[in-house]
């Protein structure tokens, strides 16, 4: 199944789940499943769980990941509940061009190759 189709099915399933499960528990469940899949996949692929980093870097990474993913996924689930999958997809498509336009208008930033 191509990636776009998989994303579409995932969004629809999340929307259907959101009809009976509030956004925070839904995000917690989805993140728990993702962590389990990650823990299973890493040894299969043969990549080490940890690389050489200082403890502070791991703490910062963990805090950033937990806060960022938790907040973003909860907001996404709440938006799906309020808007539905169609309008959420439209908002996703408009988001990047709108941010580029705001960056140009407010800060004079131009898009480049990187």
PDB file of N, CA and C in Angstrom:
ATOM      1  N   UNK A   1       0.851  -1.169   0.000  1.00  0.00           N
ATOM      2  CA  UNK A   1       0.000   0.000   0.000  1.00  0.00           C
ATOM      3  C   UNK A   1       0.906   1.246   0.000  1.00  0.00           C
ATOM      4  N   UNK A   2       0.704   2.165  -0.937  1.00  0.00           N
ATOM      5  CA  UNK A   2       1.527   3.389  -0.958  1.00  0.00           C
ATOM      6  C   UNK A   2       1.351   4.206   0.328  1.00  0.00           C
ATOM      7  N   UNK A   3       2.335   5.037   0.601  1.00  0.00           N
ATOM      8  CA  UNK A   3       2.346   5.784   1.858  1.00  0.00           C
ATOM      9  C   UNK A   3       1.143   6.705   2.016  1.00  0.00           C
ATOM     10  N   UNK A   4       0.731   7.360   0.933  1.00  0.00           N
ATOM     11  CA  UNK A   4      -0.428   8.257   1.005  1.00  0.00           C
ATOM     12  C   UNK A   4      -1.695   7.519   1.375  1.00  0.00           C
ATOM     13  N   UNK A   5      -1.859   6.319   0.826  1.00  0.00           N
ATOM     14  CA  UNK A   5      -3.035   5.519   1.154  1.00  0.00           C
ATOM     15  C   UNK A   5      -2.998   5.075   2.610  1.00  0.00           C
ATOM     16  N   UNK A   6      -1.817   4.694   3.070  1.00  0.00           N
ATOM     17  CA  UNK A   6      -1.672   4.272   4.468  1.00  0.00           C
ATOM     18  C   UNK A   6      -1.986   5.427   5.411  1.00  0.00           C
ATOM     19  N   UNK A   7      -1.523   6.634   5.061  1.00  0.00           N
ATOM     20  CA  UNK A   7      -1.813   7.817   5.875  1.00  0.00           C
ATOM     21  C   UNK A   7      -3.318   8.087   5.877  1.00  0.00           C
ATOM     22  N   UNK A   8      -3.961   7.979   4.723  1.00  0.00           N
ATOM     23  CA  UNK A   8      -5.402   8.227   4.643  1.00  0.00           C
ATOM     24  C   UNK A   8      -6.178   7.252   5.513  1.00  0.00           C
ATOM     25  N   UNK A   9      -5.826   5.973   5.427  1.00  0.00           N
ATOM     26  CA  UNK A   9      -6.498   4.966   6.244  1.00  0.00           C
ATOM     27  C   UNK A   9      -6.254   5.255   7.729  1.00  0.00           C
ATOM     28  N   UNK A  10      -5.044   5.637   8.080  1.00  0.00           N
ATOM     29  CA  UNK A  10      -4.727   5.940   9.480  1.00  0.00           C
ATOM     30  C   UNK A  10      -5.546   7.113   9.998  1.00  0.00           C
ATOM     31  N   UNK A  11      -5.677   8.145   9.186  1.00  0.00           N
ATOM     32  CA  UNK A  11      -6.451   9.321   9.608  1.00  0.00           C
ATOM     33  C   UNK A  11      -7.919   8.956   9.775  1.00  0.00           C
ATOM     34  N   UNK A  12      -8.453   8.180   8.844  1.00  0.00           N
ATOM     35  CA  UNK A  12      -9.857   7.772   8.961  1.00  0.00           C
ATOM     36  C   UNK A  12     -10.058   6.915  10.210  1.00  0.00           C
ATOM     37  N   UNK A  13      -9.138   5.983  10.474  1.00  0.00           N
ATOM     38  CA  UNK A  13      -9.253   5.152  11.676  1.00  0.00           C
ATOM     39  C   UNK A  13      -9.145   5.996  12.942  1.00  0.00           C
ATOM     40  N   UNK A  14      -8.284   6.989  12.919  1.00  0.00           N
ATOM     41  CA  UNK A  14      -8.148   7.859  14.082  1.00  0.00           C
ATOM     42  C   UNK A  14      -9.421   8.688  14.272  1.00  0.00           C
ATOM     43  N   UNK A  15     -10.015   9.111  13.176  1.00  0.00           N
ATOM     44  CA  UNK A  15     -11.263   9.877  13.250  1.00  0.00           C
ATOM     45  C   UNK A  15     -12.380   9.010  13.833  1.00  0.00           C
ATOM     46  N   UNK A  16     -12.494   7.775  13.348  1.00  0.00           N
ATOM     47  CA  UNK A  16     -13.529   6.872  13.842  1.00  0.00           C
ATOM     48  C   UNK A  16     -13.292   6.557  15.323  1.00  0.00           C
ATOM     49  N   UNK A  17     -12.040   6.342  15.698  1.00  0.00           N
ATOM     50  CA  UNK A  17     -11.725   6.094  17.109  1.00  0.00           C
ATOM     51  C   UNK A  17     -12.036   7.313  17.956  1.00  0.00           C
ATOM     52  N   UNK A  18     -11.815   8.497  17.399  1.00  0.00           N
ATOM     53  CA  UNK A  18     -12.057   9.735  18.125  1.00  0.00           C
ATOM     54  C   UNK A  18     -13.516   9.995  18.426  1.00  0.00           C
ATOM     55  N   UNK A  19     -14.409   9.293  17.737  1.00  0.00           N
ATOM     56  CA  UNK A  19     -15.829   9.465  18.027  1.00  0.00           C
ATOM     57  C   UNK A  19     -16.198   8.911  19.401  1.00  0.00           C
ATOM     58  N   UNK A  20     -15.438   7.910  19.864  1.00  0.00           N
ATOM     59  CA  UNK A  20     -15.760   7.318  21.160  1.00  0.00           C
ATOM     60  C   UNK A  20     -14.656   7.470  22.209  1.00  0.00           C
ATOM     61  N   UNK A  21     -13.446   7.872  21.770  1.00  0.00           N
ATOM     62  CA  UNK A  21     -12.322   8.032  22.702  1.00  0.00           C
ATOM     63  C   UNK A  21     -11.851   9.481  22.654  1.00  0.00           C
ATOM     64  N   UNK A  22     -11.721  10.157  23.786  1.00  0.00           N
ATOM     65  CA  UNK A  22     -11.224  11.545  23.788  1.00  0.00           C
ATOM     66  C   UNK A  22      -9.773  11.620  23.283  1.00  0.00           C
ATOM     67  N   UNK A  23      -9.330  12.798  22.849  1.00  0.00           N
ATOM     68  CA  UNK A  23      -8.001  12.946  22.239  1.00  0.00           C
ATOM     69  C   UNK A  23      -6.820  12.517  23.114  1.00  0.00           C
ATOM     70  N   UNK A  24      -6.833  12.820  24.412  1.00  0.00           N
ATOM     71  CA  UNK A  24      -5.673  12.498  25.254  1.00  0.00           C
ATOM     72  C   UNK A  24      -5.483  10.987  25.414  1.00  0.00           C
ATOM     73  N   UNK A  25      -6.510  10.215  25.776  1.00  0.00           N
ATOM     74  CA  UNK A  25      -6.303   8.762  25.852  1.00  0.00           C
ATOM     75  C   UNK A  25      -5.975   8.144  24.495  1.00  0.00           C
ATOM     76  N   UNK A  26      -6.559   8.675  23.425  1.00  0.00           N
ATOM     77  CA  UNK A  26      -6.265   8.171  22.091  1.00  0.00           C
ATOM     78  C   UNK A  26      -4.795   8.395  21.748  1.00  0.00           C
ATOM     79  N   UNK A  27      -4.275   9.564  22.081  1.00  0.00           N
ATOM     80  CA  UNK A  27      -2.865   9.862  21.845  1.00  0.00           C
ATOM     81  C   UNK A  27      -1.968   8.958  22.683  1.00  0.00           C
ATOM     82  N   UNK A  28      -2.338   8.743  23.937  1.00  0.00           N
ATOM     83  CA  UNK A  28      -1.549   7.867  24.805  1.00  0.00           C
ATOM     84  C   UNK A  28      -1.504   6.453  24.241  1.00  0.00           C
ATOM     85  N   UNK A  29      -2.646   5.931  23.804  1.00  0.00           N
ATOM     86  CA  UNK A  29      -2.689   4.583  23.242  1.00  0.00           C
ATOM     87  C   UNK A  29      -1.855   4.500  21.965  1.00  0.00           C
ATOM     88  N   UNK A  30      -2.016   5.483  21.074  1.00  0.00           N
ATOM     89  CA  UNK A  30      -1.281   5.486  19.814  1.00  0.00           C
ATOM     90  C   UNK A  30       0.221   5.571  20.054  1.00  0.00           C
ATOM     91  N   UNK A  31       0.626   6.376  21.001  1.00  0.00           N
ATOM     92  CA  UNK A  31       2.052   6.496  21.315  1.00  0.00           C
ATOM     93  C   UNK A  31       2.591   5.218  21.942  1.00  0.00           C
ATOM     94  N   UNK A  32       1.788   4.563  22.773  1.00  0.00           N
ATOM     95  CA  UNK A  32       2.215   3.296  23.379  1.00  0.00           C
ATOM     96  C   UNK A  32       2.413   2.216  22.321  1.00  0.00           C
ATOM     97  N   UNK A  33       1.507   2.146  21.370  1.00  0.00           N
ATOM     98  CA  UNK A  33       1.646   1.184  20.274  1.00  0.00           C
ATOM     99  C   UNK A  33       2.893   1.506  19.452  1.00  0.00           C
ATOM    100  N   UNK A  34       3.131   2.789  19.193  1.00  0.00           N
ATOM    101  CA  UNK A  34       4.297   3.196  18.412  1.00  0.00           C
ATOM    102  C   UNK A  34       5.599   2.831  19.121  1.00  0.00           C
ATOM    103  N   UNK A  35       5.656   3.032  20.430  1.00  0.00           N
ATOM    104  CA  UNK A  35       6.864   2.681  21.194  1.00  0.00           C
ATOM    105  C   UNK A  35       7.096   1.175  21.154  1.00  0.00           C
ATOM    106  N   UNK A  36       6.036   0.400  21.308  1.00  0.00           N
ATOM    107  CA  UNK A  36       6.177  -1.069  21.235  1.00  0.00           C
ATOM    108  C   UNK A  36       6.688  -1.504  19.866  1.00  0.00           C
ATOM    109  N   UNK A  37       6.129  -0.938  18.815  1.00  0.00           N
ATOM    110  CA  UNK A  37       6.584  -1.278  17.460  1.00  0.00           C
ATOM    111  C   UNK A  37       8.038  -0.868  17.255  1.00  0.00           C
ATOM    112  N   UNK A  38       8.419   0.278  17.802  1.00  0.00           N
ATOM    113  CA  UNK A  38       9.800   0.748  17.688  1.00  0.00           C
ATOM    114  C   UNK A  38      10.760  -0.200  18.398  1.00  0.00           C
ATOM    115  N   UNK A  39      10.387  -0.610  19.606  1.00  0.00           N
ATOM    116  CA  UNK A  39      11.244  -1.512  20.393  1.00  0.00           C
ATOM    117  C   UNK A  39      11.397  -2.858  19.689  1.00  0.00           C
ATOM    118  N   UNK A  40      10.370  -3.317  19.021  1.00  0.00           N
ATOM    119  CA  UNK A  40      10.455  -4.576  18.266  1.00  0.00           C
ATOM    120  C   UNK A  40      11.272  -4.394  16.990  1.00  0.00           C
ATOM    121  N   UNK A  41      11.103  -3.269  16.307  1.00  0.00           N
ATOM    122  CA  UNK A  41      11.739  -3.066  15.003  1.00  0.00           C
ATOM    123  C   UNK A  41      13.237  -2.799  15.093  1.00  0.00           C
ATOM    124  N   UNK A  42      13.691  -2.112  16.127  1.00  0.00           N
ATOM    125  CA  UNK A  42      15.105  -1.738  16.219  1.00  0.00           C
ATOM    126  C   UNK A  42      16.030  -2.955  16.215  1.00  0.00           C
ATOM    127  N   UNK A  43      15.790  -3.979  17.019  1.00  0.00           N
ATOM    128  CA  UNK A  43      16.688  -5.150  16.953  1.00  0.00           C
ATOM    129  C   UNK A  43      16.592  -5.896  15.617  1.00  0.00           C
ATOM    130  N   UNK A  44      15.417  -5.903  15.029  1.00  0.00           N
ATOM    131  CA  UNK A  44      15.257  -6.582  13.738  1.00  0.00           C
ATOM    132  C   UNK A  44      16.104  -5.909  12.672  1.00  0.00           C
ATOM    133  N   UNK A  45      16.117  -4.587  12.673  1.00  0.00           N
ATOM    134  CA  UNK A  45      16.888  -3.831  11.687  1.00  0.00           C
ATOM    135  C   UNK A  45      18.379  -3.890  12.003  1.00  0.00           C
ATOM    136  N   UNK A  46      18.717  -4.071  13.256  1.00  0.00           N
ATOM    137  CA  UNK A  46      20.116  -4.163  13.655  1.00  0.00           C
ATOM    138  C   UNK A  46      20.750  -2.842  14.015  1.00  0.00           C
ATOM    139  N   UNK A  47      19.936  -1.885  14.375  1.00  0.00           N
ATOM    140  CA  UNK A  47      20.432  -0.566  14.760  1.00  0.00           C
ATOM    141  C   UNK A  47      20.500  -0.520  16.289  1.00  0.00           C
ATOM    142  N   UNK A  48      21.537   0.072  16.863  1.00  0.00           N
ATOM    143  CA  UNK A  48      21.602   0.138  18.334  1.00  0.00           C
ATOM    144  C   UNK A  48      20.531   1.081  18.897  1.00  0.00           C
ATOM    145  N   UNK A  49      20.040   0.753  20.081  1.00  0.00           N
ATOM    146  CA  UNK A  49      19.051   1.603  20.742  1.00  0.00           C
ATOM    147  C   UNK A  49      19.646   2.951  21.128  1.00  0.00           C
ATOM    148  N   UNK A  50      20.869   2.919  21.601  1.00  0.00           N
ATOM    149  CA  UNK A  50      21.495   4.139  22.093  1.00  0.00           C
ATOM    150  C   UNK A  50      22.800   4.390  21.352  1.00  0.00           C
ATOM    151  N   UNK A  51      23.052   5.639  21.056  1.00  0.00           N
ATOM    152  CA  UNK A  51      24.336   6.056  20.494  1.00  0.00           C
ATOM    153  C   UNK A  51      25.076   6.829  21.581  1.00  0.00           C
ATOM    154  N   UNK A  52      26.328   7.132  21.326  1.00  0.00           N
ATOM    155  CA  UNK A  52      27.124   7.838  22.343  1.00  0.00           C
ATOM    156  C   UNK A  52      26.726   9.305  22.403  1.00  0.00           C
ATOM    157  N   UNK A  53      25.971   9.610  23.420  1.00  0.00           N
ATOM    158  CA  UNK A  53      25.576  10.982  23.699  1.00  0.00           C
ATOM    159  C   UNK A  53      25.692  11.199  25.197  1.00  0.00           C
ATOM    160  N   UNK A  54      25.778  12.452  25.584  1.00  0.00           N
ATOM    161  CA  UNK A  54      25.802  12.779  27.001  1.00  0.00           C
ATOM    162  C   UNK A  54      24.401  12.585  27.578  1.00  0.00           C
ATOM    163  N   UNK A  55      24.335  12.372  28.874  1.00  0.00           N
ATOM    164  CA  UNK A  55      23.048  12.155  29.545  1.00  0.00           C
ATOM    165  C   UNK A  55      22.114  13.348  29.346  1.00  0.00           C
ATOM    166  N   UNK A  56      22.690  14.544  29.370  1.00  0.00           N
ATOM    167  CA  UNK A  56      21.872  15.751  29.180  1.00  0.00           C
ATOM    168  C   UNK A  56      21.202  15.740  27.813  1.00  0.00           C
ATOM    169  N   UNK A  57      21.907  15.280  26.803  1.00  0.00           N
ATOM    170  CA  UNK A  57      21.339  15.229  25.456  1.00  0.00           C
ATOM    171  C   UNK A  57      20.164  14.252  25.403  1.00  0.00           C
ATOM    172  N   UNK A  58      20.289  13.115  26.069  1.00  0.00           N
ATOM    173  CA  UNK A  58      19.190  12.161  26.108  1.00  0.00           C
ATOM    174  C   UNK A  58      17.976  12.730  26.844  1.00  0.00           C
ATOM    175  N   UNK A  59      18.213  13.437  27.938  1.00  0.00           N
ATOM    176  CA  UNK A  59      17.113  14.031  28.700  1.00  0.00           C
ATOM    177  C   UNK A  59      16.407  15.080  27.850  1.00  0.00           C
ATOM    178  N   UNK A  60      17.163  15.922  27.196  1.00  0.00           N
ATOM    179  CA  UNK A  60      16.576  16.956  26.348  1.00  0.00           C
ATOM    180  C   UNK A  60      15.799  16.342  25.185  1.00  0.00           C
ATOM    181  N   UNK A  61      16.367  15.310  24.579  1.00  0.00           N
ATOM    182  CA  UNK A  61      15.700  14.627  23.477  1.00  0.00           C
ATOM    183  C   UNK A  61      14.396  13.984  23.944  1.00  0.00           C
ATOM    184  N   UNK A  62      14.441  13.312  25.079  1.00  0.00           N
ATOM    185  CA  UNK A  62      13.243  12.644  25.593  1.00  0.00           C
ATOM    186  C   UNK A  62      12.155  13.659  25.948  1.00  0.00           C
ATOM    187  N   UNK A  63      12.531  14.729  26.627  1.00  0.00           N
ATOM    188  CA  UNK A  63      11.545  15.757  26.984  1.00  0.00           C
ATOM    189  C   UNK A  63      10.941  16.404  25.748  1.00  0.00           C
ATOM    190  N   UNK A  64      11.777  16.727  24.801  1.00  0.00           N
ATOM    191  CA  UNK A  64      11.309  17.334  23.567  1.00  0.00           C
ATOM    192  C   UNK A  64      10.364  16.409  22.819  1.00  0.00           C
ATOM    193  N   UNK A  65      10.733  15.140  22.722  1.00  0.00           N
ATOM    194  CA  UNK A  65       9.908  14.176  21.997  1.00  0.00           C
ATOM    195  C   UNK A  65       8.573  13.960  22.686  1.00  0.00           C
ATOM    196  N   UNK A  66       8.613  13.753  23.993  1.00  0.00           N
ATOM    197  CA  UNK A  66       7.372  13.487  24.722  1.00  0.00           C
ATOM    198  C   UNK A  66       6.436  14.694  24.655  1.00  0.00           C
ATOM    199  N   UNK A  67       6.969  15.863  24.929  1.00  0.00           N
ATOM    200  CA  UNK A  67       6.124  17.061  24.888  1.00  0.00           C
ATOM    201  C   UNK A  67       5.644  17.364  23.471  1.00  0.00           C
ATOM    202  N   UNK A  68       6.560  17.382  22.526  1.00  0.00           N
ATOM    203  CA  UNK A  68       6.202  17.743  21.157  1.00  0.00           C
ATOM    204  C   UNK A  68       5.222  16.785  20.526  1.00  0.00           C
ATOM    205  N   UNK A  69       5.508  15.500  20.624  1.00  0.00           N
ATOM    206  CA  UNK A  69       4.629  14.507  20.006  1.00  0.00           C
ATOM    207  C   UNK A  69       3.294  14.444  20.742  1.00  0.00           C
ATOM    208  N   UNK A  70       3.327  14.503  22.059  1.00  0.00           N
ATOM    209  CA  UNK A  70       2.076  14.434  22.827  1.00  0.00           C
ATOM    210  C   UNK A  70       1.165  15.608  22.495  1.00  0.00           C
ATOM    211  N   UNK A  71       1.718  16.784  22.504  1.00  0.00           N
ATOM    212  CA  UNK A  71       0.900  17.973  22.238  1.00  0.00           C
ATOM    213  C   UNK A  71       0.410  17.975  20.806  1.00  0.00           C
ATOM    214  N   UNK A  72       1.302  17.694  19.852  1.00  0.00           N
ATOM    215  CA  UNK A  72       0.910  17.723  18.441  1.00  0.00           C
ATOM    216  C   UNK A  72      -0.136  16.660  18.121  1.00  0.00           C
ATOM    217  N   UNK A  73       0.060  15.446  18.608  1.00  0.00           N
ATOM    218  CA  UNK A  73      -0.905  14.383  18.325  1.00  0.00           C
ATOM    219  C   UNK A  73      -2.249  14.633  19.005  1.00  0.00           C
ATOM    220  N   UNK A  74      -2.217  15.173  20.209  1.00  0.00           N
ATOM    221  CA  UNK A  74      -3.475  15.489  20.894  1.00  0.00           C
ATOM    222  C   UNK A  74      -4.232  16.582  20.158  1.00  0.00           C
ATOM    223  N   UNK A  75      -3.509  17.586  19.700  1.00  0.00           N
ATOM    224  CA  UNK A  75      -4.157  18.658  18.932  1.00  0.00           C
ATOM    225  C   UNK A  75      -4.688  18.129  17.603  1.00  0.00           C
ATOM    226  N   UNK A  76      -3.941  17.225  16.959  1.00  0.00           N
ATOM    227  CA  UNK A  76      -4.399  16.630  15.710  1.00  0.00           C
ATOM    228  C   UNK A  76      -5.673  15.821  15.925  1.00  0.00           C
ATOM    229  N   UNK A  77      -5.714  15.018  16.994  1.00  0.00           N
ATOM    230  CA  UNK A  77      -6.906  14.224  17.301  1.00  0.00           C
ATOM    231  C   UNK A  77      -8.095  15.127  17.619  1.00  0.00           C
ATOM    232  N   UNK A  78      -7.845  16.205  18.349  1.00  0.00           N
ATOM    233  CA  UNK A  78      -8.932  17.139  18.670  1.00  0.00           C
ATOM    234  C   UNK A  78      -9.448  17.827  17.408  1.00  0.00           C
ATOM    235  N   UNK A  79      -8.530  18.178  16.508  1.00  0.00           N
ATOM    236  CA  UNK A  79      -8.945  18.803  15.246  1.00  0.00           C
ATOM    237  C   UNK A  79      -9.750  17.830  14.399  1.00  0.00           C
ATOM    238  N   UNK A  80      -9.347  16.565  14.391  1.00  0.00           N
ATOM    239  CA  UNK A  80     -10.130  15.561  13.660  1.00  0.00           C
ATOM    240  C   UNK A  80     -11.539  15.458  14.228  1.00  0.00           C
ATOM    241  N   UNK A  81     -11.656  15.498  15.543  1.00  0.00           N
ATOM    242  CA  UNK A  81     -12.979  15.427  16.166  1.00  0.00           C
ATOM    243  C   UNK A  81     -13.828  16.641  15.814  1.00  0.00           C
ATOM    244  N   UNK A  82     -13.210  17.796  15.736  1.00  0.00           N
ATOM    245  CA  UNK A  82     -13.968  19.023  15.473  1.00  0.00           C
ATOM    246  C   UNK A  82     -14.239  19.232  13.987  1.00  0.00           C
ATOM    247  N   UNK A  83     -13.244  18.975  13.139  1.00  0.00           N
ATOM    248  CA  UNK A  83     -13.361  19.292  11.719  1.00  0.00           C
ATOM    249  C   UNK A  83     -13.760  18.115  10.849  1.00  0.00           C
ATOM    250  N   UNK A  84     -13.343  16.926  11.242  1.00  0.00           N
ATOM    251  CA  UNK A  84     -13.519  15.767  10.370  1.00  0.00           C
ATOM    252  C   UNK A  84     -12.275  15.583   9.513  1.00  0.00           C
ATOM    253  N   UNK A  85     -12.190  14.435   8.860  1.00  0.00           N
ATOM    254  CA  UNK A  85     -10.996  14.087   8.098  1.00  0.00           C
ATOM    255  C   UNK A  85     -10.817  14.973   6.869  1.00  0.00           C
ATOM    256  N   UNK A  86     -11.901  15.328   6.187  1.00  0.00           N
ATOM    257  CA  UNK A  86     -11.795  16.112   4.947  1.00  0.00           C
ATOM    258  C   UNK A  86     -11.242  17.507   5.202  1.00  0.00           C
ATOM    259  N   UNK A  87     -11.843  18.203   6.150  1.00  0.00           N
ATOM    260  CA  UNK A  87     -11.376  19.561   6.439  1.00  0.00           C
ATOM    261  C   UNK A  87      -9.991  19.556   7.068  1.00  0.00           C
ATOM    262  N   UNK A  88      -9.675  18.521   7.851  1.00  0.00           N
ATOM    263  CA  UNK A  88      -8.341  18.413   8.424  1.00  0.00           C
ATOM    264  C   UNK A  88      -7.305  18.225   7.317  1.00  0.00           C
ATOM    265  N   UNK A  89      -7.621  17.410   6.317  1.00  0.00           N
ATOM    266  CA  UNK A  89      -6.712  17.216   5.184  1.00  0.00           C
ATOM    267  C   UNK A  89      -6.515  18.525   4.427  1.00  0.00           C
ATOM    268  N   UNK A  90      -7.579  19.285   4.262  1.00  0.00           N
ATOM    269  CA  UNK A  90      -7.474  20.584   3.597  1.00  0.00           C
ATOM    270  C   UNK A  90      -6.597  21.535   4.406  1.00  0.00           C
ATOM    271  N   UNK A  91      -6.771  21.542   5.722  1.00  0.00           N
ATOM    272  CA  UNK A  91      -5.942  22.393   6.581  1.00  0.00           C
ATOM    273  C   UNK A  91      -4.475  21.969   6.494  1.00  0.00           C
ATOM    274  N   UNK A  92      -4.211  20.662   6.439  1.00  0.00           N
ATOM    275  CA  UNK A  92      -2.830  20.178   6.298  1.00  0.00           C
ATOM    276  C   UNK A  92      -2.206  20.650   4.994  1.00  0.00           C
ATOM    277  N   UNK A  93      -2.986  20.657   3.919  1.00  0.00           N
ATOM    278  CA  UNK A  93      -2.464  21.077   2.613  1.00  0.00           C
ATOM    279  C   UNK A  93      -2.186  22.578   2.562  1.00  0.00           C
ATOM    280  N   UNK A  94      -2.979  23.346   3.270  1.00  0.00           N
ATOM    281  CA  UNK A  94      -2.831  24.801   3.248  1.00  0.00           C
ATOM    282  C   UNK A  94      -1.732  25.278   4.194  1.00  0.00           C
ATOM    283  N   UNK A  95      -1.398  24.466   5.203  1.00  0.00           N
ATOM    284  CA  UNK A  95      -0.497  24.891   6.270  1.00  0.00           C
ATOM    285  C   UNK A  95       0.875  25.335   5.755  1.00  0.00           C
ATOM    286  N   UNK A  96       1.569  24.499   5.005  1.00  0.00           N
ATOM    287  CA  UNK A  96       2.935  24.833   4.576  1.00  0.00           C
ATOM    288  C   UNK A  96       2.996  26.061   3.674  1.00  0.00           C
ATOM    289  N   UNK A  97       2.151  26.152   2.642  1.00  0.00           N
ATOM    290  CA  UNK A  97       2.196  27.381   1.843  1.00  0.00           C
ATOM    291  C   UNK A  97       1.851  28.626   2.646  1.00  0.00           C
ATOM    292  N   UNK A  98       0.925  28.499   3.597  1.00  0.00           N
ATOM    293  CA  UNK A  98       0.560  29.653   4.420  1.00  0.00           C
ATOM    294  C   UNK A  98       1.733  30.098   5.284  1.00  0.00           C
ATOM    295  N   UNK A  99       2.457  29.147   5.865  1.00  0.00           N
ATOM    296  CA  UNK A  99       3.620  29.490   6.689  1.00  0.00           C
ATOM    297  C   UNK A  99       4.706  30.144   5.838  1.00  0.00           C
ATOM    298  N   UNK A 100       4.912  29.637   4.629  1.00  0.00           N
ATOM    299  CA  UNK A 100       5.897  30.249   3.732  1.00  0.00           C
ATOM    300  C   UNK A 100       5.483  31.676   3.386  1.00  0.00           C
ATOM    301  N   UNK A 101       4.199  31.884   3.139  1.00  0.00           N
ATOM    302  CA  UNK A 101       3.711  33.229   2.827  1.00  0.00           C
ATOM    303  C   UNK A 101       3.854  34.177   3.998  1.00  0.00           C
ATOM    304  N   UNK A 102       3.538  33.732   5.185  1.00  0.00           N
ATOM    305  CA  UNK A 102       3.683  34.566   6.386  1.00  0.00           C
ATOM    306  C   UNK A 102       5.153  34.888   6.621  1.00  0.00           C
ATOM    307  N   UNK A 103       6.027  33.899   6.422  1.00  0.00           N
ATOM    308  CA  UNK A 103       7.463  34.138   6.578  1.00  0.00           C
ATOM    309  C   UNK A 103       7.971  35.189   5.607  1.00  0.00           C
ATOM    310  N   UNK A 104       7.449  35.158   4.389  1.00  0.00           N
ATOM    311  CA  UNK A 104       7.864  36.154   3.395  1.00  0.00           C
ATOM    312  C   UNK A 104       7.327  37.532   3.758  1.00  0.00           C
ATOM    313  N   UNK A 105       6.049  37.605   4.105  1.00  0.00           N
ATOM    314  CA  UNK A 105       5.428  38.898   4.399  1.00  0.00           C
ATOM    315  C   UNK A 105       5.979  39.541   5.675  1.00  0.00           C
ATOM    316  N   UNK A 106       6.198  38.748   6.703  1.00  0.00           N
ATOM    317  CA  UNK A 106       6.621  39.321   7.979  1.00  0.00           C
ATOM    318  C   UNK A 106       8.121  39.484   8.100  1.00  0.00           C
ATOM    319  N   UNK A 107       8.877  38.545   7.505  1.00  0.00           N
ATOM    320  CA  UNK A 107      10.328  38.537   7.733  1.00  0.00           C
ATOM    321  C   UNK A 107      11.151  38.653   6.456  1.00  0.00           C
ATOM    322  N   UNK A 108      10.493  38.680   5.302  1.00  0.00           N
ATOM    323  CA  UNK A 108      11.215  38.778   4.039  1.00  0.00           C
ATOM    324  C   UNK A 108      11.964  37.498   3.676  1.00  0.00           C
ATOM    325  N   UNK A 109      11.591  36.378   4.265  1.00  0.00           N
ATOM    326  CA  UNK A 109      12.267  35.119   3.966  1.00  0.00           C
ATOM    327  C   UNK A 109      11.868  34.601   2.592  1.00  0.00           C
ATOM    328  N   UNK A 110      12.818  34.036   1.897  1.00  0.00           N
ATOM    329  CA  UNK A 110      12.559  33.440   0.594  1.00  0.00           C
ATOM    330  C   UNK A 110      12.821  31.947   0.655  1.00  0.00           C
ATOM    331  N   UNK A 111      12.059  31.188  -0.106  1.00  0.00           N
ATOM    332  CA  UNK A 111      12.278  29.755  -0.183  1.00  0.00           C
ATOM    333  C   UNK A 111      13.505  29.480  -1.029  1.00  0.00           C
ATOM    334  N   UNK A 112      14.283  28.549  -0.611  1.00  0.00           N
ATOM    335  CA  UNK A 112      15.479  28.163  -1.352  1.00  0.00           C
ATOM    336  C   UNK A 112      15.576  26.654  -1.391  1.00  0.00           C
ATOM    337  N   UNK A 113      16.666  26.124  -1.960  1.00  0.00           N
ATOM    338  CA  UNK A 113      16.793  24.680  -2.024  1.00  0.00           C
ATOM    339  C   UNK A 113      16.928  24.045  -0.655  1.00  0.00           C
ATOM    340  N   UNK A 114      17.412  24.796   0.337  1.00  0.00           N
ATOM    341  CA  UNK A 114      17.481  24.259   1.702  1.00  0.00           C
ATOM    342  C   UNK A 114      17.427  25.334   2.717  1.00  0.00           C
TER     343      UNK A 114
END
